[in-house]
Amino acid sequence: MAHADDGYRLWLKFDPIANVQQRNSYAQKCQFIYSDNQEVIIKTAQKELQAGLSGLLGKKILILTNPAGKKGE
């Protein structure tokens, strides 16, 4: 039985990138989301970005408010 996407998923569909080599390359470069701004609208945007990237890359992307010791590629 086929399942239709609900409205939210249809609007924000973040299935993994099909090309595994490309997905792995992006995943290596995208380690975390950083912002020291804790306003509600920013936190909401961070969560949406986290959901999108996590879905596309097939891994959890952390949200950091203090990136001490971390660095992006």
PDB file of N, CA and C in Angstrom:
ATOM      1  N   MET A   1       0.833  -1.166   0.000  1.00  0.00           N
ATOM      2  CA  MET A   1       0.000   0.000   0.000  1.00  0.00           C
ATOM      3  C   MET A   1       0.883   1.237   0.000  1.00  0.00           C
ATOM      4  N   ALA A   2       0.656   2.142  -0.922  1.00  0.00           N
ATOM      5  CA  ALA A   2       1.418   3.386  -1.016  1.00  0.00           C
ATOM      6  C   ALA A   2       0.872   4.397  -0.023  1.00  0.00           C
ATOM      7  N   HIS A   3       1.787   5.183   0.534  1.00  0.00           N
ATOM      8  CA  HIS A   3       1.397   6.219   1.477  1.00  0.00           C
ATOM      9  C   HIS A   3       1.695   7.580   0.866  1.00  0.00           C
ATOM     10  N   ALA A   4       0.720   8.473   0.933  1.00  0.00           N
ATOM     11  CA  ALA A   4       0.919   9.830   0.435  1.00  0.00           C
ATOM     12  C   ALA A   4       1.631  10.655   1.503  1.00  0.00           C
ATOM     13  N   ASP A   5       2.426  11.600   1.060  1.00  0.00           N
ATOM     14  CA  ASP A   5       3.069  12.510   1.999  1.00  0.00           C
ATOM     15  C   ASP A   5       2.020  13.444   2.576  1.00  0.00           C
ATOM     16  N   ASP A   6       2.157  13.736   3.882  1.00  0.00           N
ATOM     17  CA  ASP A   6       1.244  14.720   4.458  1.00  0.00           C
ATOM     18  C   ASP A   6       1.701  16.119   4.010  1.00  0.00           C
ATOM     19  N   GLY A   7       0.930  17.127   4.315  1.00  0.00           N
ATOM     20  CA  GLY A   7       1.225  18.478   3.849  1.00  0.00           C
ATOM     21  C   GLY A   7       2.584  18.983   4.301  1.00  0.00           C
ATOM     22  N   TYR A   8       2.941  18.731   5.564  1.00  0.00           N
ATOM     23  CA  TYR A   8       4.224  19.201   6.080  1.00  0.00           C
ATOM     24  C   TYR A   8       5.372  18.524   5.350  1.00  0.00           C
ATOM     25  N   ARG A   9       5.287  17.204   5.209  1.00  0.00           N
ATOM     26  CA  ARG A   9       6.363  16.477   4.543  1.00  0.00           C
ATOM     27  C   ARG A   9       6.444  16.841   3.061  1.00  0.00           C
ATOM     28  N   LEU A  10       5.306  17.054   2.451  1.00  0.00           N
ATOM     29  CA  LEU A  10       5.303  17.427   1.039  1.00  0.00           C
ATOM     30  C   LEU A  10       5.991  18.768   0.839  1.00  0.00           C
ATOM     31  N   TRP A  11       5.763  19.689   1.755  1.00  0.00           N
ATOM     32  CA  TRP A  11       6.364  21.023   1.674  1.00  0.00           C
ATOM     33  C   TRP A  11       7.853  20.968   2.030  1.00  0.00           C
ATOM     34  N   LEU A  12       8.186  20.191   3.037  1.00  0.00           N
ATOM     35  CA  LEU A  12       9.567  20.128   3.524  1.00  0.00           C
ATOM     36  C   LEU A  12      10.104  18.701   3.396  1.00  0.00           C
ATOM     37  N   LYS A  13      10.198  18.239   2.184  1.00  0.00           N
ATOM     38  CA  LYS A  13      10.669  16.872   1.927  1.00  0.00           C
ATOM     39  C   LYS A  13      12.193  16.868   1.882  1.00  0.00           C
ATOM     40  N   PHE A  14      12.778  16.184   2.841  1.00  0.00           N
ATOM     41  CA  PHE A  14      14.226  16.144   2.928  1.00  0.00           C
ATOM     42  C   PHE A  14      14.713  14.701   2.888  1.00  0.00           C
ATOM     43  N   ASP A  15      14.446  14.032   1.780  1.00  0.00           N
ATOM     44  CA  ASP A  15      14.938  12.671   1.611  1.00  0.00           C
ATOM     45  C   ASP A  15      16.450  12.726   1.373  1.00  0.00           C
ATOM     46  N   PRO A  16      17.164  11.681   1.754  1.00  0.00           N
ATOM     47  CA  PRO A  16      18.618  11.675   1.561  1.00  0.00           C
ATOM     48  C   PRO A  16      18.997  11.900   0.098  1.00  0.00           C
ATOM     49  N   ILE A  17      20.092  12.602  -0.109  1.00  0.00           N
ATOM     50  CA  ILE A  17      20.621  12.818  -1.455  1.00  0.00           C
ATOM     51  C   ILE A  17      20.936  11.447  -2.045  1.00  0.00           C
ATOM     52  N   ALA A  18      20.415  11.179  -3.225  1.00  0.00           N
ATOM     53  CA  ALA A  18      20.517   9.848  -3.828  1.00  0.00           C
ATOM     54  C   ALA A  18      21.955   9.458  -4.170  1.00  0.00           C
ATOM     55  N   ASN A  19      22.737  10.408  -4.638  1.00  0.00           N
ATOM     56  CA  ASN A  19      24.124  10.134  -5.004  1.00  0.00           C
ATOM     57  C   ASN A  19      24.951  10.028  -3.715  1.00  0.00           C
ATOM     58  N   VAL A  20      25.333   8.812  -3.353  1.00  0.00           N
ATOM     59  CA  VAL A  20      26.004   8.550  -2.077  1.00  0.00           C
ATOM     60  C   VAL A  20      27.333   9.301  -1.989  1.00  0.00           C
ATOM     61  N   GLN A  21      28.095   9.337  -3.046  1.00  0.00           N
ATOM     62  CA  GLN A  21      29.390  10.026  -3.029  1.00  0.00           C
ATOM     63  C   GLN A  21      29.191  11.522  -2.768  1.00  0.00           C
ATOM     64  N   GLN A  22      28.217  12.110  -3.423  1.00  0.00           N
ATOM     65  CA  GLN A  22      27.932  13.523  -3.221  1.00  0.00           C
ATOM     66  C   GLN A  22      27.412  13.777  -1.803  1.00  0.00           C
ATOM     67  N   ARG A  23      26.504  12.913  -1.329  1.00  0.00           N
ATOM     68  CA  ARG A  23      25.964  13.049   0.030  1.00  0.00           C
ATOM     69  C   ARG A  23      27.077  12.968   1.065  1.00  0.00           C
ATOM     70  N   ASN A  24      27.990  12.011   0.914  1.00  0.00           N
ATOM     71  CA  ASN A  24      29.106  11.870   1.856  1.00  0.00           C
ATOM     72  C   ASN A  24      30.028  13.089   1.832  1.00  0.00           C
ATOM     73  N   SER A  25      30.241  13.637   0.658  1.00  0.00           N
ATOM     74  CA  SER A  25      31.070  14.834   0.536  1.00  0.00           C
ATOM     75  C   SER A  25      30.428  16.007   1.278  1.00  0.00           C
ATOM     76  N   TYR A  26      29.136  16.208   1.081  1.00  0.00           N
ATOM     77  CA  TYR A  26      28.424  17.285   1.786  1.00  0.00           C
ATOM     78  C   TYR A  26      28.422  17.030   3.294  1.00  0.00           C
ATOM     79  N   ALA A  27      28.194  15.788   3.700  1.00  0.00           N
ATOM     80  CA  ALA A  27      28.124  15.448   5.116  1.00  0.00           C
ATOM     81  C   ALA A  27      29.461  15.714   5.817  1.00  0.00           C
ATOM     82  N   GLN A  28      30.551  15.482   5.112  1.00  0.00           N
ATOM     83  CA  GLN A  28      31.873  15.727   5.680  1.00  0.00           C
ATOM     84  C   GLN A  28      32.082  17.223   5.920  1.00  0.00           C
ATOM     85  N   LYS A  29      31.547  18.046   5.033  1.00  0.00           N
ATOM     86  CA  LYS A  29      31.728  19.491   5.143  1.00  0.00           C
ATOM     87  C   LYS A  29      30.755  20.135   6.127  1.00  0.00           C
ATOM     88  N   CYS A  30      29.635  19.512   6.353  1.00  0.00           N
ATOM     89  CA  CYS A  30      28.603  20.072   7.222  1.00  0.00           C
ATOM     90  C   CYS A  30      28.615  19.334   8.557  1.00  0.00           C
ATOM     91  N   GLN A  31      29.311  19.897   9.512  1.00  0.00           N
ATOM     92  CA  GLN A  31      29.481  19.242  10.806  1.00  0.00           C
ATOM     93  C   GLN A  31      28.516  19.757  11.863  1.00  0.00           C
ATOM     94  N   PHE A  32      28.175  21.045  11.810  1.00  0.00           N
ATOM     95  CA  PHE A  32      27.305  21.625  12.824  1.00  0.00           C
ATOM     96  C   PHE A  32      26.728  22.954  12.347  1.00  0.00           C
ATOM     97  N   ILE A  33      25.729  23.422  13.064  1.00  0.00           N
ATOM     98  CA  ILE A  33      25.119  24.735  12.853  1.00  0.00           C
ATOM     99  C   ILE A  33      25.503  25.556  14.077  1.00  0.00           C
ATOM    100  N   TYR A  34      26.032  26.754  13.851  1.00  0.00           N
ATOM    101  CA  TYR A  34      26.444  27.593  14.969  1.00  0.00           C
ATOM    102  C   TYR A  34      25.685  28.920  14.963  1.00  0.00           C
ATOM    103  N   SER A  35      25.215  29.298  16.132  1.00  0.00           N
ATOM    104  CA  SER A  35      24.674  30.637  16.359  1.00  0.00           C
ATOM    105  C   SER A  35      24.666  30.892  17.851  1.00  0.00           C
ATOM    106  N   ASP A  36      25.141  32.062  18.237  1.00  0.00           N
ATOM    107  CA  ASP A  36      25.070  32.437  19.646  1.00  0.00           C
ATOM    108  C   ASP A  36      23.815  33.257  19.935  1.00  0.00           C
ATOM    109  N   ASN A  37      22.996  33.447  18.931  1.00  0.00           N
ATOM    110  CA  ASN A  37      21.732  34.166  19.085  1.00  0.00           C
ATOM    111  C   ASN A  37      20.656  33.182  19.534  1.00  0.00           C
ATOM    112  N   GLN A  38      20.048  33.433  20.666  1.00  0.00           N
ATOM    113  CA  GLN A  38      19.068  32.509  21.223  1.00  0.00           C
ATOM    114  C   GLN A  38      17.632  33.031  21.133  1.00  0.00           C
ATOM    115  N   GLU A  39      17.392  33.983  20.229  1.00  0.00           N
ATOM    116  CA  GLU A  39      16.029  34.464  20.038  1.00  0.00           C
ATOM    117  C   GLU A  39      15.172  33.333  19.473  1.00  0.00           C
ATOM    118  N   VAL A  40      13.897  33.357  19.814  1.00  0.00           N
ATOM    119  CA  VAL A  40      12.976  32.283  19.418  1.00  0.00           C
ATOM    120  C   VAL A  40      12.971  32.073  17.910  1.00  0.00           C
ATOM    121  N   ILE A  41      12.919  33.131  17.132  1.00  0.00           N
ATOM    122  CA  ILE A  41      12.857  32.988  15.669  1.00  0.00           C
ATOM    123  C   ILE A  41      14.134  32.342  15.131  1.00  0.00           C
ATOM    124  N   ILE A  42      15.277  32.672  15.725  1.00  0.00           N
ATOM    125  CA  ILE A  42      16.549  32.079  15.296  1.00  0.00           C
ATOM    126  C   ILE A  42      16.594  30.601  15.670  1.00  0.00           C
ATOM    127  N   LYS A  43      16.152  30.279  16.869  1.00  0.00           N
ATOM    128  CA  LYS A  43      16.136  28.873  17.296  1.00  0.00           C
ATOM    129  C   LYS A  43      15.207  28.046  16.402  1.00  0.00           C
ATOM    130  N   THR A  44      14.084  28.638  15.989  1.00  0.00           N
ATOM    131  CA  THR A  44      13.167  27.943  15.078  1.00  0.00           C
ATOM    132  C   THR A  44      13.841  27.700  13.734  1.00  0.00           C
ATOM    133  N   ALA A  45      14.527  28.711  13.222  1.00  0.00           N
ATOM    134  CA  ALA A  45      15.241  28.564  11.952  1.00  0.00           C
ATOM    135  C   ALA A  45      16.335  27.503  12.057  1.00  0.00           C
ATOM    136  N   GLN A  46      17.034  27.474  13.189  1.00  0.00           N
ATOM    137  CA  GLN A  46      18.079  26.469  13.394  1.00  0.00           C
ATOM    138  C   GLN A  46      17.488  25.056  13.341  1.00  0.00           C
ATOM    139  N   LYS A  47      16.344  24.875  13.984  1.00  0.00           N
ATOM    140  CA  LYS A  47      15.715  23.549  14.010  1.00  0.00           C
ATOM    141  C   LYS A  47      15.253  23.120  12.617  1.00  0.00           C
ATOM    142  N   GLU A  48      14.719  24.068  11.837  1.00  0.00           N
ATOM    143  CA  GLU A  48      14.305  23.740  10.466  1.00  0.00           C
ATOM    144  C   GLU A  48      15.519  23.384   9.610  1.00  0.00           C
ATOM    145  N   LEU A  49      16.593  24.165   9.748  1.00  0.00           N
ATOM    146  CA  LEU A  49      17.827  23.884   9.006  1.00  0.00           C
ATOM    147  C   LEU A  49      18.405  22.536   9.428  1.00  0.00           C
ATOM    148  N   GLN A  50      18.379  22.262  10.725  1.00  0.00           N
ATOM    149  CA  GLN A  50      18.864  20.986  11.238  1.00  0.00           C
ATOM    150  C   GLN A  50      18.058  19.823  10.651  1.00  0.00           C
ATOM    151  N   ALA A  51      16.737  19.960  10.629  1.00  0.00           N
ATOM    152  CA  ALA A  51      15.892  18.893  10.081  1.00  0.00           C
ATOM    153  C   ALA A  51      16.187  18.676   8.599  1.00  0.00           C
ATOM    154  N   GLY A  52      16.313  19.762   7.851  1.00  0.00           N
ATOM    155  CA  GLY A  52      16.588  19.647   6.422  1.00  0.00           C
ATOM    156  C   GLY A  52      17.929  19.006   6.135  1.00  0.00           C
ATOM    157  N   LEU A  53      18.971  19.515   6.777  1.00  0.00           N
ATOM    158  CA  LEU A  53      20.309  18.963   6.548  1.00  0.00           C
ATOM    159  C   LEU A  53      20.417  17.523   7.034  1.00  0.00           C
ATOM    160  N   SER A  54      19.830  17.233   8.182  1.00  0.00           N
ATOM    161  CA  SER A  54      19.875  15.860   8.697  1.00  0.00           C
ATOM    162  C   SER A  54      19.204  14.892   7.733  1.00  0.00           C
ATOM    163  N   GLY A  55      18.074  15.303   7.168  1.00  0.00           N
ATOM    164  CA  GLY A  55      17.382  14.454   6.203  1.00  0.00           C
ATOM    165  C   GLY A  55      18.166  14.274   4.917  1.00  0.00           C
ATOM    166  N   LEU A  56      18.691  15.366   4.383  1.00  0.00           N
ATOM    167  CA  LEU A  56      19.439  15.312   3.126  1.00  0.00           C
ATOM    168  C   LEU A  56      20.746  14.537   3.262  1.00  0.00           C
ATOM    169  N   LEU A  57      21.398  14.684   4.413  1.00  0.00           N
ATOM    170  CA  LEU A  57      22.719  14.102   4.586  1.00  0.00           C
ATOM    171  C   LEU A  57      22.706  12.755   5.301  1.00  0.00           C
ATOM    172  N   GLY A  58      21.570  12.379   5.867  1.00  0.00           N
ATOM    173  CA  GLY A  58      21.459  11.087   6.530  1.00  0.00           C
ATOM    174  C   GLY A  58      22.230  10.998   7.834  1.00  0.00           C
ATOM    175  N   LYS A  59      22.453  12.145   8.475  1.00  0.00           N
ATOM    176  CA  LYS A  59      23.130  12.144   9.776  1.00  0.00           C
ATOM    177  C   LYS A  59      22.623  13.327  10.580  1.00  0.00           C
ATOM    178  N   LYS A  60      22.728  13.223  11.887  1.00  0.00           N
ATOM    179  CA  LYS A  60      22.278  14.316  12.757  1.00  0.00           C
ATOM    180  C   LYS A  60      23.298  15.451  12.704  1.00  0.00           C
ATOM    181  N   ILE A  61      22.788  16.641  12.482  1.00  0.00           N
ATOM    182  CA  ILE A  61      23.617  17.839  12.490  1.00  0.00           C
ATOM    183  C   ILE A  61      23.378  18.546  13.820  1.00  0.00           C
ATOM    184  N   LEU A  62      24.432  18.773  14.566  1.00  0.00           N
ATOM    185  CA  LEU A  62      24.318  19.408  15.867  1.00  0.00           C
ATOM    186  C   LEU A  62      24.115  20.915  15.746  1.00  0.00           C
ATOM    187  N   ILE A  63      23.410  21.489  16.706  1.00  0.00           N
ATOM    188  CA  ILE A  63      23.284  22.936  16.828  1.00  0.00           C
ATOM    189  C   ILE A  63      24.141  23.342  18.014  1.00  0.00           C
ATOM    190  N   LEU A  64      25.123  24.215  17.778  1.00  0.00           N
ATOM    191  CA  LEU A  64      26.044  24.633  18.825  1.00  0.00           C
ATOM    192  C   LEU A  64      25.892  26.123  19.115  1.00  0.00           C
ATOM    193  N   THR A  65      25.985  26.476  20.384  1.00  0.00           N
ATOM    194  CA  THR A  65      26.004  27.881  20.774  1.00  0.00           C
ATOM    195  C   THR A  65      27.425  28.295  21.178  1.00  0.00           C
ATOM    196  N   ASN A  66      28.297  27.306  21.322  1.00  0.00           N
ATOM    197  CA  ASN A  66      29.696  27.564  21.632  1.00  0.00           C
ATOM    198  C   ASN A  66      30.534  26.538  20.886  1.00  0.00           C
ATOM    199  N   PRO A  67      31.099  26.929  19.749  1.00  0.00           N
ATOM    200  CA  PRO A  67      31.834  25.959  18.929  1.00  0.00           C
ATOM    201  C   PRO A  67      33.281  25.738  19.372  1.00  0.00           C
ATOM    202  N   ALA A  68      33.593  25.973  20.632  1.00  0.00           N
ATOM    203  CA  ALA A  68      34.965  25.811  21.118  1.00  0.00           C
ATOM    204  C   ALA A  68      35.515  24.438  20.732  1.00  0.00           C
ATOM    205  N   GLY A  69      36.648  24.464  20.090  1.00  0.00           N
ATOM    206  CA  GLY A  69      37.295  23.217  19.693  1.00  0.00           C
ATOM    207  C   GLY A  69      36.735  22.594  18.428  1.00  0.00           C
ATOM    208  N   LYS A  70      35.671  23.160  17.890  1.00  0.00           N
ATOM    209  CA  LYS A  70      35.077  22.633  16.664  1.00  0.00           C
ATOM    210  C   LYS A  70      35.460  23.554  15.509  1.00  0.00           C
ATOM    211  N   LYS A  71      35.558  22.966  14.347  1.00  0.00           N
ATOM    212  CA  LYS A  71      35.763  23.788  13.156  1.00  0.00           C
ATOM    213  C   LYS A  71      35.156  23.084  11.971  1.00  0.00           C
ATOM    214  N   GLY A  72      34.643  23.872  11.073  1.00  0.00           N
ATOM    215  CA  GLY A  72      34.084  23.322   9.841  1.00  0.00           C
ATOM    216  C   GLY A  72      35.197  23.066   8.854  1.00  0.00           C
ATOM    217  N   GLU A  73      34.854  22.385   7.801  1.00  0.00           N
ATOM    218  CA  GLU A  73      35.857  22.069   6.780  1.00  0.00           C
ATOM    219  C   GLU A  73      36.108  23.310   5.952  1.00  0.00           C
TER     220      GLU A  73
END
